[in-house]
Amino acid sequence: MRITEAESEVLAALWRRGPMSFAALIAEVKLVQPWGDATIKTLLHRLIQKQAVQSVRQDGRQLYHPLLERRAYVLDQVQGLADRLFAGDRAALLRAIGEPPAA
């Protein structure tokens, strides 16, 4: 599943706080991004379409739950970096990260 950087901000809010109402999600995202409500709503809608987030009616209100686990997302991002820079070789990526900076 391809998650954009902007969409990952919405997911990060859900990973930090767990299931939230739309109003709470907007407030949480706005703590780190100066986006308007409509932008956040669009990103949330895309994540629902991608089945990364689910809307559940609970106690009389809609709550948004992450379906994509943070660990799975992080592993996918690491593999994507390894694919782009090291022909998919994660060990080479780890060696590059572990090397001291060039002088």
Protein backbone atom coordinates (compact mmCIF):
# COMPACT_ATOMS: atom_id res chain seq x y z
CA MET A 1 0.00 0.00 0.00
CA ARG A 2 1.42 3.38 -0.99
CA ILE A 3 1.05 5.96 1.79
CA THR A 4 2.12 9.51 0.99
CA GLU A 5 4.14 11.60 3.42
CA ALA A 6 1.12 13.79 4.10
CA GLU A 7 -1.12 10.77 4.73
CA SER A 8 1.49 9.43 7.13
CA GLU A 9 0.95 12.53 9.31
CA VAL A 10 -2.70 11.58 9.78
CA LEU A 11 -1.72 7.99 10.56
CA ALA A 12 0.92 9.22 13.02
CA ALA A 13 -1.77 11.11 14.93
CA LEU A 14 -3.85 7.93 15.16
CA TRP A 15 -0.82 5.88 16.22
CA ARG A 16 -0.03 8.42 18.95
CA ARG A 17 -3.52 8.77 20.38
CA GLY A 18 -5.49 5.77 19.18
CA PRO A 19 -9.05 5.94 17.88
CA MET A 20 -10.35 9.51 17.68
CA SER A 21 -13.29 11.54 16.51
CA PHE A 22 -12.83 13.70 13.46
CA ALA A 23 -12.57 16.86 15.58
CA ALA A 24 -9.93 15.30 17.85
CA LEU A 25 -8.00 14.01 14.82
CA ILE A 26 -7.97 17.47 13.23
CA ALA A 27 -6.68 19.01 16.47
CA GLU A 28 -3.97 16.34 16.81
CA VAL A 29 -2.74 16.74 13.23
CA LYS A 30 -2.72 20.53 13.58
CA LEU A 31 -0.27 20.19 16.47
CA VAL A 32 2.39 19.26 13.90
CA GLN A 33 1.02 20.54 10.56
CA PRO A 34 -0.60 23.90 9.72
CA TRP A 35 -3.14 22.31 7.38
CA GLY A 36 -6.76 23.31 7.01
CA ASP A 37 -9.63 21.04 8.02
CA ALA A 38 -10.47 20.27 4.38
CA THR A 39 -6.92 19.05 3.69
CA ILE A 40 -7.00 16.73 6.69
CA LYS A 41 -10.45 15.47 5.67
CA THR A 42 -9.15 14.70 2.17
CA LEU A 43 -6.14 12.83 3.54
CA LEU A 44 -8.37 10.86 5.91
CA HIS A 45 -10.72 9.95 3.06
CA ARG A 46 -7.78 8.68 0.98
CA LEU A 47 -6.58 6.56 3.91
CA ILE A 48 -10.06 5.08 4.29
CA GLN A 49 -10.14 4.26 0.55
CA LYS A 50 -6.73 2.57 0.88
CA GLN A 51 -8.06 0.61 3.88
CA ALA A 52 -5.35 2.05 6.13
CA VAL A 53 -7.97 3.69 8.38
CA GLN A 54 -11.44 2.57 9.37
CA SER A 55 -14.40 4.64 10.54
CA VAL A 56 -16.39 2.92 13.29
CA ARG A 57 -19.55 4.13 14.99
CA GLN A 58 -18.93 3.77 18.71
CA ASP A 59 -20.94 5.18 21.62
CA GLY A 60 -23.00 7.30 19.23
CA ARG A 61 -20.08 8.92 17.38
CA GLN A 62 -17.72 8.14 14.52
CA LEU A 63 -14.22 7.17 15.57
CA TYR A 64 -11.29 6.66 13.23
CA HIS A 65 -9.02 3.66 13.84
CA PRO A 66 -5.69 2.90 12.15
CA LEU A 67 -5.80 -0.43 10.32
CA LEU A 68 -2.20 -0.16 9.18
CA GLU A 69 0.18 -0.87 12.04
CA ARG A 70 3.06 1.55 12.55
CA ARG A 71 5.63 -1.28 12.48
CA ALA A 72 4.37 -2.51 9.09
CA TYR A 73 4.52 1.04 7.73
CA VAL A 74 8.07 1.60 9.04
CA LEU A 75 9.30 -1.71 7.63
CA ASP A 76 7.77 -0.86 4.25
CA GLN A 77 9.48 2.55 4.28
CA VAL A 78 12.84 0.98 5.18
CA GLN A 79 12.47 -1.55 2.38
CA GLY A 80 11.56 1.24 -0.04
CA LEU A 81 14.72 3.12 0.92
CA ALA A 82 16.81 -0.03 0.51
CA ASP A 83 15.19 -0.65 -2.89
CA ARG A 84 15.92 2.89 -4.11
CA LEU A 85 19.46 3.25 -2.81
CA PHE A 86 20.86 -0.28 -2.43
CA ALA A 87 19.03 -2.47 -4.96
CA GLY A 88 16.90 -3.89 -2.15
CA ASP A 89 19.83 -4.86 0.08
CA ARG A 90 18.76 -3.98 3.64
CA ALA A 91 22.13 -5.07 5.04
CA ALA A 92 23.86 -2.52 2.80
CA LEU A 93 21.45 0.15 4.06
CA LEU A 94 22.22 -0.75 7.67
CA ARG A 95 25.95 -0.67 6.99
CA ALA A 96 25.61 2.78 5.41
CA ILE A 97 23.65 4.08 8.38
CA GLY A 98 26.18 2.63 10.81
CA GLU A 99 29.18 4.18 9.06
CA PRO A 100 30.62 7.38 10.53
CA PRO A 101 30.08 10.47 8.37
CA ALA A 102 32.70 11.16 5.72
CA ALA A 103 35.20 13.85 6.65
